Amino acid sequence: MGHRSYISPASPMLFVCCCCLLWLFPILAAGITRHYKFDINYTNLTRLCHTRSVITVNGQLPGPRLIAREGDRVIVKVVNHVSNNISIHWHGIRQLTTGWSDGPAYITQCPIQTGQSYTYNFTITGQRGTLWYHAHISWLRSSVYGPMVILPRKNESFPFPKPYKQIPILFGEWFNVDPEAVIAQALQTGGGPNVSDAYTINGLPGPLYNCSSASDTFKLKVKPGKTYMLRLVNAALNDELFFGIANHSLTVVDADAVYVKPFETEWLLITPGQTTNVLLKTKPHSPNATFLMEAKPYFTGQGTFDNSTVAGILEYAPVKKSTAAKLPVMKPTLPSINGNFSTPQVANFTAKFRSLASPKFPANVPQTVSRKFFFTVGLGTSPCPQNTTCQGPTNTTKFAASINNVSFALPSVAMLQSYYAGNSIGVFSSDFPQNPANPFNYTGPAPNNTNVGNGTKALVLAFNTSVEVILQDTSILGAESHPLHLHGFNFFVVGQGFGNYDQNKDPAKFNLVDPVERNTVGVPAGGWVAIRFLADNPGVWFMHCHLDVHTSWGLRMAWIVMDGALPNQKLQPPPADLPQC
């Protein structure tokens, strides 16, 4: 006789009650859908006594806050009202199977043309903290950027005491002229681009610049005896930045939307692309002083750079205006701008980052890897066009940048579209070198030939491949720190060091227990960094230096991750409104 299930009289009532609870509290069952509209417009802005037309999101600099919870679906309609083509990258979002919404122009999409729109649609999976969005075409991210605040799921808390308030702080750069003209001139002449005229905190240059008004200073008003969370984003185009607040220490709790073991510091370094959440505990009583919060560059290269300092003001409330003007102003002590002096301090600071590696927030580091890659990253040269002179390292060469001596050329159609349609011939090839073709002393004297190759090449990975990449800086045109960003993935930083990577000795020192998990890592000047990740996200994924001048010169490449066997391991079909080239 077959088994007969027995339903008690209470069961239907229980079922109805459960359904009612899910209807009343849908957030317990799943995330919600959040809709945003981004209008890309021209906005007249004045900084440092210069007024110019700036491309912005919804007329704001930085752009509007995008707020969501882990598990939420985010839908953003972007409408382009300017003459430039535009695309938006949601920096750090995993984009699991939604590569069409990643945003880098000519990699995952054709840009949005004038008068057209595109709707980005993605779900935030397994991430909480601070990320950001920015334009991902040419240098438009100089003004098209904003914060993404990702809160824990409903009824979940931070793994540290809940802060009294949370404040996004975005570092940027201000140019008195159009940055598009700056990079266009540099690419034409082959020389280094003109540098920015100021750094900014939340779009404002602060009191240390000539012709910067009091209204152009970011002020953070705080109460005594409270804990504030500062959500820091480095949106600067071309500079790694030191940051600190006078007479206050900071506790680092999150990096690139991943919790870390908390540690206290007087200052921090944040590279372009990186985000860092810090806790600021205010003094128990209102002090008779105001405190500057400052950011200034960490420079390791050979050329010119913006060596200025941006300042905001930390002000204890309530302060009468008459009193505020008389209060002494305290300045923070930050490391030297000159990387020759501060690079050891930077290495000590970055070594402090460790994953929580707890049962709730595990560090799933690949313990073994099935594919290993060795990438050199750095600057080089390319020859001037015939019968012309250039302003590069010599009058016959232009500045160039490369990975494994390949300077990546953007295609004229999007790689993901051509890959999905199966017609990549003439768009890109799949033969990106896994190692340098000609090994040399990477951090020693420069080789005689500094010219780089050129091409649109990708590396293909099978789904769920465990990957290790050694990123080795080169000193061909001077050792320099490079913040490398990988789209579509977080990776674990399992090792780093100075000099040339030694494959016989260095792996023994790798941290495979609690390494920090990031989406952007600084390759040390004259050194190397080792990263590991699991290729569990199908699509075409960009990897590039987040110093925009180096990206423009070709320090970029693409990974292709093939579909897996299961439905949730396959790239979704392209949306109907995907822009065409």
Protein backbone atom coordinates (compact mmCIF):
# COMPACT_ATOMS: atom_id res chain seq x y z
CA MET A 1 0.00 0.00 0.00
CA GLY A 2 1.41 3.44 -0.95
CA HIS A 3 2.33 6.09 1.59
CA ARG A 4 -0.42 8.67 2.15
CA SER A 5 0.59 12.08 3.48
CA TYR A 6 -1.54 13.38 6.32
CA ILE A 7 -2.53 17.05 6.47
CA SER A 8 -3.71 18.19 9.85
CA PRO A 9 -6.65 20.62 10.08
CA ALA A 10 -4.18 23.31 11.19
CA SER A 11 -1.97 22.95 8.11
CA PRO A 12 -4.05 25.06 5.67
CA MET A 13 -4.31 27.80 8.28
CA LEU A 14 -0.53 27.62 8.88
CA PHE A 15 0.09 27.88 5.15
CA VAL A 16 -2.15 30.96 4.87
CA CYS A 17 -0.39 32.59 7.84
CA CYS A 18 3.04 31.99 6.28
CA CYS A 19 1.89 33.52 3.00
CA CYS A 20 0.52 36.55 4.84
CA LEU A 21 3.82 37.01 6.66
CA LEU A 22 5.73 36.91 3.37
CA TRP A 23 3.27 39.39 1.87
CA LEU A 24 3.59 41.71 4.87
CA PHE A 25 7.40 41.37 5.07
CA PRO A 26 8.64 40.72 1.53
CA ILE A 27 12.12 41.92 2.47
CA LEU A 28 12.52 38.77 4.56
CA ALA A 29 11.95 36.63 1.47
CA ALA A 30 13.98 38.60 -1.09
CA GLY A 31 15.40 42.01 -1.88
CA ILE A 32 13.35 44.76 -3.47
CA THR A 33 13.69 46.50 -6.83
CA ARG A 34 15.00 50.06 -6.77
CA HIS A 35 14.56 52.37 -9.76
CA TYR A 36 16.79 55.33 -10.60
CA LYS A 37 16.97 57.72 -13.55
CA PHE A 38 20.28 59.33 -14.50
CA ASP A 39 20.12 62.28 -16.88
CA ILE A 40 23.55 63.07 -18.35
CA ASN A 41 23.53 66.86 -18.78
CA TYR A 42 25.77 69.88 -19.11
CA THR A 43 26.01 71.91 -15.90
CA ASN A 44 27.85 75.21 -15.45
CA LEU A 45 30.13 74.95 -12.42
CA THR A 46 32.59 77.41 -10.95
CA ARG A 47 35.72 76.35 -9.06
CA LEU A 48 38.97 78.31 -8.50
CA CYS A 49 37.40 81.34 -10.27
CA HIS A 50 36.92 79.29 -13.46
CA THR A 51 33.43 78.58 -14.80
CA ARG A 52 33.00 75.83 -17.34
CA SER A 53 30.37 73.50 -18.71
CA VAL A 54 30.75 70.16 -16.93
CA ILE A 55 29.09 66.86 -17.84
CA THR A 56 27.19 65.63 -14.76
CA VAL A 57 24.58 63.16 -13.56
CA ASN A 58 21.32 64.99 -12.74
CA GLY A 59 23.23 68.28 -12.52
CA GLN A 60 25.23 67.16 -9.47
CA LEU A 61 28.96 66.83 -8.73
CA PRO A 62 29.44 64.20 -7.39
CA GLY A 63 26.35 62.52 -8.83
CA PRO A 64 23.37 61.43 -6.73
CA ARG A 65 23.69 58.73 -4.09
CA LEU A 66 22.53 55.30 -5.19
CA ILE A 67 21.31 53.45 -2.10
CA ALA A 68 20.40 49.76 -1.98
CA ARG A 69 20.60 46.71 0.25
CA GLU A 70 22.41 43.47 -0.35
CA GLY A 71 20.05 41.29 -2.41
CA ASP A 72 18.25 44.23 -4.07
CA ARG A 73 17.73 44.54 -7.78
CA VAL A 74 18.82 47.93 -9.16
CA ILE A 75 17.42 49.40 -12.39
CA VAL A 76 18.98 52.62 -13.67
CA LYS A 77 17.78 54.33 -16.83
CA VAL A 78 20.60 56.49 -18.23
CA VAL A 79 19.57 59.18 -20.72
CA ASN A 80 22.30 60.95 -22.69
CA HIS A 81 21.60 64.65 -23.30
CA VAL A 82 25.20 65.66 -24.21
CA SER A 83 27.18 65.52 -27.47
CA ASN A 84 29.67 62.97 -26.08
CA ASN A 85 28.96 59.26 -26.13
CA ILE A 86 28.51 57.91 -22.57
CA SER A 87 28.52 54.64 -20.66
CA ILE A 88 28.32 53.99 -16.91
CA HIS A 89 30.28 51.36 -14.97
CA TRP A 90 28.96 50.16 -11.60
CA HIS A 91 32.40 49.78 -10.10
CA GLY A 92 32.80 46.65 -8.00
CA ILE A 93 29.33 45.19 -8.64
CA ARG A 94 29.82 41.51 -9.45
CA GLN A 95 27.26 41.57 -12.31
CA LEU A 96 26.66 37.81 -12.01
CA THR A 97 25.47 36.74 -15.52
CA THR A 98 24.51 40.40 -16.24
CA GLY A 99 27.68 41.47 -18.05
CA TRP A 100 25.57 43.63 -20.41
CA SER A 101 25.16 46.05 -17.48
CA ASP A 102 28.85 46.34 -16.56
CA GLY A 103 29.38 49.45 -18.64
CA PRO A 104 32.93 49.78 -20.09
CA ALA A 105 32.51 51.21 -23.59
CA TYR A 106 33.47 48.84 -26.43
CA ILE A 107 34.05 45.97 -23.97
CA THR A 108 30.54 45.02 -22.76
CA GLN A 109 28.49 47.60 -24.67
CA CYS A 110 28.58 50.22 -27.34
CA PRO A 111 28.29 53.64 -25.72
CA ILE A 112 24.97 55.46 -25.36
CA GLN A 113 24.81 58.01 -28.15
CA THR A 114 23.43 61.54 -27.97
CA GLY A 115 19.68 61.59 -27.39
CA GLN A 116 19.53 57.88 -26.59
CA SER A 117 19.11 55.88 -23.38
CA TYR A 118 20.01 52.52 -21.91
CA THR A 119 18.64 50.79 -18.82
CA TYR A 120 21.17 49.02 -16.59
CA ASN A 121 19.68 46.12 -14.64
CA PHE A 122 21.58 44.13 -12.02
CA THR A 123 21.21 42.42 -8.64
CA ILE A 124 23.57 43.06 -5.73
CA THR A 125 24.70 39.61 -4.61
CA GLY A 126 26.85 38.96 -1.55
CA GLN A 127 28.14 42.52 -1.25
CA ARG A 128 27.67 45.20 1.36
CA GLY A 129 29.64 48.39 2.01
CA THR A 130 30.59 51.19 -0.37
CA LEU A 131 31.01 50.97 -4.14
CA TRP A 132 30.63 53.69 -6.78
CA TYR A 133 29.59 54.36 -10.34
CA HIS A 134 31.41 56.33 -13.00
CA ALA A 135 31.54 57.00 -16.72
CA HIS A 136 33.67 54.42 -18.51
CA ILE A 137 34.64 56.11 -21.75
CA SER A 138 37.58 58.44 -22.37
CA TRP A 139 38.05 60.78 -19.35
CA LEU A 140 34.37 61.56 -18.68
CA ARG A 141 34.56 60.03 -15.22
CA SER A 142 36.35 63.24 -14.16
CA SER A 143 32.85 64.57 -13.43
CA VAL A 144 30.46 61.64 -14.02
CA TYR A 145 30.73 59.67 -10.79
CA GLY A 146 28.86 59.08 -7.55
CA PRO A 147 28.59 56.78 -4.51
CA MET A 148 26.76 53.47 -4.19
CA VAL A 149 25.80 52.82 -0.57
CA ILE A 150 25.06 49.12 -0.09
CA LEU A 151 23.45 48.43 3.27
CA PRO A 152 23.21 44.98 4.89
CA ARG A 153 20.01 43.03 4.33
CA LYS A 154 17.03 44.04 6.46
CA ASN A 155 17.38 42.72 10.02
CA GLU A 156 21.13 42.17 9.55
CA SER A 157 23.68 44.39 11.23
CA PHE A 158 27.26 45.50 10.69
CA PRO A 159 29.94 43.31 12.34
CA PHE A 160 30.87 46.42 14.37
CA PRO A 161 28.86 48.91 16.46
CA LYS A 162 26.24 50.72 14.40
CA PRO A 163 27.51 54.22 13.58
CA TYR A 164 25.57 57.32 14.55
CA LYS A 165 25.72 58.64 10.95
CA GLN A 166 27.17 57.52 7.61
CA ILE A 167 28.77 60.07 5.28
CA PRO A 168 30.05 59.37 1.74
CA ILE A 169 33.31 61.23 1.04
CA LEU A 170 34.45 61.16 -2.57
CA PHE A 171 37.85 62.41 -3.67
CA GLY A 172 38.01 63.83 -7.18
CA GLU A 173 40.00 66.12 -9.45
CA TRP A 174 39.04 69.51 -10.87
CA PHE A 175 40.36 70.79 -14.21
CA ASN A 176 39.99 74.45 -15.17
CA VAL A 177 39.71 73.24 -18.78
CA ASP A 178 37.78 70.36 -20.33
CA PRO A 179 39.54 67.07 -19.42
CA GLU A 180 38.49 65.66 -22.81
CA ALA A 181 40.69 68.32 -24.45
CA VAL A 182 43.53 67.42 -22.07
CA ILE A 183 43.64 63.72 -22.99
CA ALA A 184 43.00 64.45 -26.69
CA GLN A 185 46.04 66.73 -26.78
CA ALA A 186 48.20 64.19 -24.92
CA LEU A 187 47.27 61.36 -27.30
CA GLN A 188 47.97 63.60 -30.30
CA THR A 189 51.37 64.85 -29.11
CA GLY A 190 52.44 61.61 -27.46
CA GLY A 191 53.41 63.43 -24.28
CA GLY A 192 52.12 63.33 -20.73
CA PRO A 193 48.77 65.08 -20.17
CA ASN A 194 48.42 68.35 -18.31
CA VAL A 195 47.61 67.71 -14.66
CA SER A 196 44.48 68.74 -12.76
CA ASP A 197 44.23 72.13 -11.06
CA ALA A 198 42.90 70.83 -7.73
CA TYR A 199 41.77 67.79 -5.84
CA THR A 200 38.27 67.85 -4.42
CA ILE A 201 36.31 66.41 -1.50
CA ASN A 202 32.70 65.87 -2.56
CA GLY A 203 33.31 68.15 -5.53
CA LEU A 204 34.84 71.01 -3.49
CA PRO A 205 38.53 72.04 -3.55
CA GLY A 206 38.67 73.57 -0.07
CA PRO A 207 40.50 76.51 1.53
CA LEU A 208 44.13 75.78 0.57
CA TYR A 209 43.77 76.75 -3.11
CA ASN A 210 44.04 80.26 -4.55
CA CYS A 211 40.67 81.73 -5.42
CA SER A 212 38.72 79.05 -3.59
CA SER A 213 35.83 80.51 -1.67
CA ALA A 214 34.60 79.44 1.77
CA SER A 215 31.51 77.97 0.13
CA ASP A 216 33.82 75.67 -1.85
CA THR A 217 34.90 73.78 1.26
CA PHE A 218 33.36 70.52 2.44
CA LYS A 219 32.40 70.74 6.12
CA LEU A 220 31.64 67.72 8.25
CA LYS A 221 29.73 68.83 11.34
CA VAL A 222 29.90 66.28 14.15
CA LYS A 223 28.71 65.90 17.72
CA PRO A 224 30.99 64.89 20.59
CA GLY A 225 31.06 61.29 21.76
CA LYS A 226 29.61 59.80 18.57
CA THR A 227 30.87 57.27 16.01
CA TYR A 228 30.59 58.25 12.36
CA MET A 229 31.20 55.99 9.38
CA LEU A 230 32.97 57.72 6.51
CA ARG A 231 32.43 55.96 3.19
CA LEU A 232 35.58 56.93 1.29
CA VAL A 233 35.86 56.67 -2.51
CA ASN A 234 38.87 57.68 -4.60
CA ALA A 235 37.30 58.92 -7.84
CA ALA A 236 40.40 60.93 -8.85
CA LEU A 237 41.49 60.34 -12.44
CA ASN A 238 45.21 59.86 -12.02
CA ASP A 239 46.35 59.96 -8.40
CA GLU A 240 46.58 57.70 -5.39
CA LEU A 241 45.82 59.74 -2.29
CA PHE A 242 46.79 59.86 1.36
CA PHE A 243 43.98 60.94 3.71
CA GLY A 244 43.84 61.83 7.37
CA ILE A 245 42.01 64.01 9.89
CA ALA A 246 43.98 66.18 12.33
CA ASN A 247 44.10 64.80 15.89
CA HIS A 248 41.71 61.94 15.09
CA SER A 249 42.42 58.31 14.35
CA LEU A 250 40.36 56.19 11.99
CA THR A 251 39.32 52.54 12.23
CA VAL A 252 39.24 50.73 8.89
CA VAL A 253 36.33 48.25 8.74
CA ASP A 254 35.60 47.64 5.05
CA ALA A 255 37.46 47.69 1.73
CA ASP A 256 35.81 47.50 -1.70
CA ALA A 257 32.50 46.43 -0.10
CA VAL A 258 34.04 43.56 1.86
CA TYR A 259 34.39 43.66 5.65
CA VAL A 260 37.94 43.51 7.00
CA LYS A 261 39.44 42.86 10.42
CA PRO A 262 39.22 46.34 12.00
CA PHE A 263 42.49 48.21 12.51
CA GLU A 264 43.27 51.73 13.67
CA THR A 265 45.35 54.18 11.68
CA GLU A 266 46.29 57.88 11.70
CA TRP A 267 46.21 58.05 7.88
CA LEU A 268 45.30 55.84 4.97
CA LEU A 269 46.14 55.39 1.31
CA ILE A 270 43.37 54.94 -1.22
CA THR A 271 44.02 54.36 -4.92
CA PRO A 272 41.69 55.42 -7.75
CA GLY A 273 38.91 52.85 -7.90
CA GLN A 274 39.21 51.74 -4.28
CA THR A 275 36.66 52.35 -1.52
CA THR A 276 37.32 52.21 2.21
CA ASN A 277 34.85 52.49 5.09
CA VAL A 278 36.31 53.93 8.28
CA LEU A 279 34.88 54.66 11.71
CA LEU A 280 35.59 58.08 13.17
CA LYS A 281 35.06 58.33 16.91
CA THR A 282 34.63 61.96 17.95
CA LYS A 283 36.09 63.42 21.11
CA PRO A 284 33.97 63.11 24.27
CA HIS A 285 33.71 66.90 24.65
CA SER A 286 33.63 69.74 22.13
CA PRO A 287 37.27 70.82 21.68
CA ASN A 288 38.18 74.45 21.17
CA ALA A 289 39.55 73.84 17.70
CA THR A 290 38.59 72.96 14.15
CA PHE A 291 40.32 70.12 12.36
CA LEU A 292 41.35 69.84 8.74
CA MET A 293 40.73 66.61 6.86
CA GLU A 294 43.26 66.50 4.06
CA ALA A 295 44.08 64.42 1.00
CA LYS A 296 47.28 64.70 -1.01
CA PRO A 297 48.91 62.52 -3.66
CA TYR A 298 51.25 59.56 -3.28
CA PHE A 299 53.44 59.85 -6.38
CA THR A 300 55.83 57.20 -7.62
CA GLY A 301 56.21 58.08 -11.30
CA GLN A 302 58.66 60.19 -13.27
CA GLY A 303 56.49 62.87 -14.87
CA THR A 304 54.55 65.87 -13.60
CA PHE A 305 51.60 65.55 -11.24
CA ASP A 306 49.20 67.71 -9.25
CA ASN A 307 51.17 68.11 -6.02
CA SER A 308 48.49 70.13 -4.23
CA THR A 309 46.39 69.28 -1.15
CA VAL A 310 42.63 69.31 -0.76
CA ALA A 311 41.15 70.07 2.65
CA GLY A 312 37.76 69.82 4.26
CA ILE A 313 36.83 70.88 7.79
CA LEU A 314 35.76 68.69 10.69
CA GLU A 315 33.73 70.97 12.93
CA TYR A 316 32.20 70.13 16.29
CA ALA A 317 28.67 71.44 16.69
CA PRO A 318 27.28 73.70 17.87
CA VAL A 319 29.77 76.45 17.05
CA LYS A 320 28.79 80.11 16.74
CA LYS A 321 30.08 81.80 13.60
CA SER A 322 31.84 84.44 15.65
CA THR A 323 33.62 81.75 17.65
CA ALA A 324 34.47 79.49 14.71
CA ALA A 325 36.66 82.13 13.05
CA LYS A 326 38.81 82.41 16.20
CA LEU A 327 39.31 78.68 16.81
CA PRO A 328 42.80 77.30 16.08
CA VAL A 329 42.99 75.09 12.98
CA MET A 330 44.80 71.78 13.33
CA LYS A 331 46.40 69.98 10.36
CA PRO A 332 46.95 66.22 9.98
CA THR A 333 50.40 64.70 9.45
CA LEU A 334 50.47 62.67 6.25
CA PRO A 335 53.32 60.69 4.65
CA SER A 336 55.57 62.30 2.04
CA ILE A 337 54.16 62.87 -1.44
CA ASN A 338 57.47 61.53 -2.76
CA GLY A 339 57.15 57.77 -3.17
CA ASN A 340 60.90 57.34 -2.67
CA PHE A 341 60.30 58.14 1.00
CA SER A 342 56.75 56.89 1.61
CA THR A 343 56.62 53.59 -0.33
CA PRO A 344 57.76 51.51 2.70
CA GLN A 345 55.00 53.15 4.80
CA VAL A 346 52.48 52.34 2.06
CA ALA A 347 53.58 48.68 2.03
CA ASN A 348 53.17 48.47 5.83
CA PHE A 349 49.72 50.04 5.59
CA THR A 350 48.40 47.76 2.83
CA ALA A 351 49.71 44.70 4.69
CA LYS A 352 47.26 45.47 7.54
CA PHE A 353 44.21 44.59 5.42
CA ARG A 354 42.85 41.13 6.28
CA SER A 355 39.52 39.48 5.50
CA LEU A 356 37.24 38.73 8.46
CA ALA A 357 37.42 35.05 7.48
CA SER A 358 34.60 34.29 9.94
CA PRO A 359 31.87 31.64 9.63
CA LYS A 360 29.39 34.31 8.50
CA PHE A 361 31.89 36.14 6.24
CA PRO A 362 34.30 33.45 5.03
CA ALA A 363 37.35 34.07 2.87
CA ASN A 364 36.89 31.49 0.10
CA VAL A 365 40.44 31.69 -1.21
CA PRO A 366 41.27 29.20 -3.97
CA GLN A 367 43.74 26.89 -2.19
CA THR A 368 44.97 25.43 -5.46
CA VAL A 369 44.88 27.00 -8.90
CA SER A 370 44.37 25.42 -12.28
CA ARG A 371 45.74 28.31 -14.36
CA LYS A 372 48.65 30.62 -13.52
CA PHE A 373 49.50 33.83 -15.33
CA PHE A 374 52.42 36.25 -15.07
CA PHE A 375 51.66 39.80 -16.27
CA THR A 376 54.15 42.64 -16.49
CA VAL A 377 52.51 46.05 -16.15
CA GLY A 378 54.11 49.38 -16.91
CA LEU A 379 54.97 52.12 -19.34
CA GLY A 380 56.78 51.93 -22.65
CA THR A 381 56.83 53.71 -25.98
CA SER A 382 55.36 53.54 -29.44
CA PRO A 383 56.89 55.16 -32.52
CA CYS A 384 55.67 58.52 -33.80
CA PRO A 385 53.86 58.55 -37.11
CA GLN A 386 56.26 58.96 -40.04
CA ASN A 387 57.68 62.43 -40.68
CA THR A 388 56.38 63.80 -37.36
CA THR A 389 57.94 64.60 -34.01
CA CYS A 390 56.41 63.74 -30.65
CA GLN A 391 56.61 64.94 -27.06
CA GLY A 392 57.10 61.49 -25.53
CA PRO A 393 60.26 60.16 -23.87
CA THR A 394 62.08 61.10 -27.11
CA ASN A 395 61.00 63.23 -30.06
CA THR A 396 60.50 60.06 -32.10
CA THR A 397 58.33 58.20 -29.57
CA LYS A 398 54.99 58.49 -27.82
CA PHE A 399 54.17 57.32 -24.31
CA ALA A 400 52.44 53.96 -24.25
CA ALA A 401 51.47 51.46 -21.55
CA SER A 402 50.98 47.72 -21.69
CA ILE A 403 50.36 44.37 -20.01
CA ASN A 404 52.85 41.72 -21.17
CA ASN A 405 54.04 44.23 -23.77
CA VAL A 406 50.58 44.36 -25.40
CA SER A 407 49.08 47.84 -25.53
CA PHE A 408 45.35 47.16 -25.79
CA ALA A 409 43.46 48.86 -28.62
CA LEU A 410 39.73 49.36 -28.07
CA PRO A 411 37.68 47.78 -30.86
CA SER A 412 35.06 49.73 -32.80
CA VAL A 413 32.25 47.38 -31.68
CA ALA A 414 31.67 45.89 -28.23
CA MET A 415 33.60 42.68 -27.53
CA LEU A 416 30.75 41.11 -25.55
CA GLN A 417 28.30 41.63 -28.41
CA SER A 418 30.64 40.10 -30.98
CA TYR A 419 31.55 37.22 -28.62
CA TYR A 420 27.88 36.47 -27.87
CA ALA A 421 27.02 36.52 -31.58
CA GLY A 422 29.99 34.28 -32.38
CA ASN A 423 31.61 36.72 -34.81
CA SER A 424 34.77 37.91 -33.06
CA ILE A 425 36.91 37.73 -36.23
CA GLY A 426 38.21 41.20 -36.93
CA VAL A 427 37.10 42.44 -33.49
CA PHE A 428 39.49 40.65 -31.11
CA SER A 429 41.72 37.61 -30.87
CA SER A 430 42.01 35.10 -28.01
CA ASP A 431 45.80 34.90 -27.85
CA PHE A 432 46.71 37.35 -25.09
CA PRO A 433 50.16 36.22 -23.83
CA GLN A 434 50.06 34.29 -20.53
CA ASN A 435 53.67 35.31 -19.77
CA PRO A 436 56.07 37.95 -21.11
CA ALA A 437 57.35 36.89 -24.53
CA ASN A 438 60.86 38.10 -23.67
CA PRO A 439 61.69 37.86 -19.93
CA PHE A 440 64.11 40.49 -18.60
CA ASN A 441 65.14 42.10 -15.33
CA TYR A 442 61.77 43.78 -14.78
CA THR A 443 62.84 46.16 -12.01
CA GLY A 444 66.41 46.68 -13.24
CA PRO A 445 67.87 48.91 -15.97
CA ALA A 446 65.56 49.52 -18.93
CA PRO A 447 66.01 47.32 -22.01
CA ASN A 448 67.34 48.92 -25.21
CA ASN A 449 64.01 48.56 -27.01
CA THR A 450 61.14 50.14 -25.06
CA ASN A 451 58.52 49.87 -27.82
CA VAL A 452 55.35 47.91 -27.02
CA GLY A 453 53.14 45.79 -29.26
CA ASN A 454 49.56 46.68 -30.04
CA GLY A 455 46.37 44.68 -30.39
CA THR A 456 42.92 43.73 -29.13
CA LYS A 457 43.57 40.44 -27.36
CA ALA A 458 41.71 38.46 -24.70
CA LEU A 459 42.33 35.42 -22.51
CA VAL A 460 39.67 32.67 -22.43
CA LEU A 461 38.81 30.79 -19.22
CA ALA A 462 36.52 27.83 -18.74
CA PHE A 463 33.75 28.40 -16.20
CA ASN A 464 34.88 27.86 -12.58
CA THR A 465 38.59 27.95 -13.42
CA SER A 466 40.68 28.87 -10.38
CA VAL A 467 43.13 31.58 -11.44
CA GLU A 468 46.35 33.05 -10.06
CA VAL A 469 47.83 36.20 -11.59
CA ILE A 470 51.19 37.69 -10.68
CA LEU A 471 51.17 41.41 -11.55
CA GLN A 472 54.77 42.59 -11.89
CA ASP A 473 55.66 46.28 -12.13
CA THR A 474 58.38 47.23 -14.60
CA SER A 475 60.90 50.07 -14.43
CA ILE A 476 61.22 50.56 -18.20
CA LEU A 477 60.32 54.25 -17.90
CA GLY A 478 60.68 54.31 -14.10
CA ALA A 479 59.05 52.09 -11.47
CA GLU A 480 55.52 53.20 -10.69
CA SER A 481 52.56 52.04 -8.64
CA HIS A 482 49.59 50.86 -10.71
CA PRO A 483 46.07 50.40 -9.24
CA LEU A 484 44.72 47.41 -11.23
CA HIS A 485 40.94 46.93 -11.36
CA LEU A 486 39.24 43.69 -12.43
CA HIS A 487 35.62 43.93 -13.62
CA GLY A 488 33.11 41.22 -12.76
CA PHE A 489 35.03 39.69 -9.86
CA ASN A 490 36.50 40.19 -6.44
CA PHE A 491 39.95 38.68 -6.00
CA PHE A 492 42.11 37.78 -3.02
CA VAL A 493 45.45 39.55 -2.60
CA VAL A 494 47.52 36.57 -1.46
CA GLY A 495 50.99 38.11 -1.65
CA GLN A 496 53.06 41.16 -2.51
CA GLY A 497 56.68 42.22 -2.43
CA PHE A 498 59.40 44.39 -3.94
CA GLY A 499 61.80 43.57 -6.76
CA ASN A 500 61.20 40.74 -9.21
CA TYR A 501 58.76 38.00 -8.26
CA ASP A 502 60.56 34.74 -7.46
CA GLN A 503 58.38 31.75 -8.32
CA ASN A 504 60.63 29.45 -6.28
CA LYS A 505 60.56 31.42 -3.01
CA ASP A 506 57.63 33.84 -2.91
CA PRO A 507 54.64 31.42 -3.04
CA ALA A 508 55.72 29.96 0.31
CA LYS A 509 54.87 33.33 1.88
CA PHE A 510 51.37 33.59 0.38
CA ASN A 511 48.48 34.19 2.79
CA LEU A 512 45.80 31.63 1.94
CA VAL A 513 43.93 32.02 5.26
CA ASP A 514 42.61 35.58 5.52
CA PRO A 515 43.92 37.69 2.60
CA VAL A 516 42.03 40.86 1.79
CA GLU A 517 39.34 40.56 -0.90
CA ARG A 518 39.19 43.50 -3.33
CA ASN A 519 38.31 44.61 -6.84
CA THR A 520 41.20 47.10 -7.18
CA VAL A 521 44.77 46.59 -5.94
CA GLY A 522 47.88 48.75 -6.09
CA VAL A 523 50.78 46.97 -7.79
CA PRO A 524 53.71 48.29 -5.71
CA ALA A 525 56.23 50.59 -7.40
CA GLY A 526 59.16 48.36 -8.30
CA GLY A 527 57.36 45.30 -6.96
CA TRP A 528 54.68 42.69 -7.54
CA VAL A 529 51.33 41.52 -6.22
CA ALA A 530 49.72 38.07 -6.43
CA ILE A 531 45.93 37.70 -6.76
CA ARG A 532 43.63 34.68 -6.94
CA PHE A 533 40.01 34.44 -8.07
CA LEU A 534 37.46 31.90 -9.23
CA ALA A 535 36.18 32.48 -12.78
CA ASP A 536 32.54 31.90 -11.84
CA ASN A 537 30.98 34.72 -13.87
CA PRO A 538 30.42 34.21 -17.61
CA GLY A 539 31.08 37.11 -19.97
CA VAL A 540 33.79 39.48 -21.17
CA TRP A 541 35.57 41.27 -18.33
CA PHE A 542 37.89 44.25 -18.52
CA MET A 543 41.06 44.52 -16.42
CA HIS A 544 42.94 47.80 -16.45
CA CYS A 545 44.99 50.35 -14.57
CA HIS A 546 42.70 52.85 -12.82
CA LEU A 547 45.06 55.74 -13.53
CA ASP A 548 43.12 56.96 -16.56
CA VAL A 549 46.20 58.21 -18.39
CA HIS A 550 47.64 54.68 -18.27
CA THR A 551 44.35 53.18 -19.46
CA SER A 552 44.30 55.67 -22.34
CA TRP A 553 47.85 54.59 -23.22
CA GLY A 554 46.80 50.92 -23.34
CA LEU A 555 47.39 49.39 -19.89
CA ARG A 556 44.31 47.17 -20.18
CA MET A 557 43.18 43.72 -21.34
CA ALA A 558 40.10 41.48 -21.32
CA TRP A 559 39.19 38.08 -19.90
CA ILE A 560 36.50 35.91 -21.47
CA VAL A 561 34.79 33.47 -19.10
CA MET A 562 32.75 30.80 -20.88
CA ASP A 563 29.27 29.68 -19.82
CA GLY A 564 28.89 26.92 -17.25
CA ALA A 565 26.56 23.94 -17.59
CA LEU A 566 23.71 25.14 -15.36
CA PRO A 567 21.16 27.83 -16.30
CA ASN A 568 22.42 30.24 -13.59
CA GLN A 569 25.98 29.84 -14.96
CA LYS A 570 25.19 31.25 -18.39
CA LEU A 571 25.35 34.82 -19.65
CA GLN A 572 21.84 36.21 -19.95
CA PRO A 573 20.63 37.27 -23.43
CA PRO A 574 21.29 40.91 -24.35
CA PRO A 575 18.56 43.41 -23.42
CA ALA A 576 16.40 44.85 -26.18
CA ASP A 577 17.69 48.42 -25.67
CA LEU A 578 21.41 47.53 -25.76
CA PRO A 579 23.13 50.43 -27.58
CA GLN A 580 24.51 49.82 -31.06
CA CYS A 581 27.79 51.17 -32.38
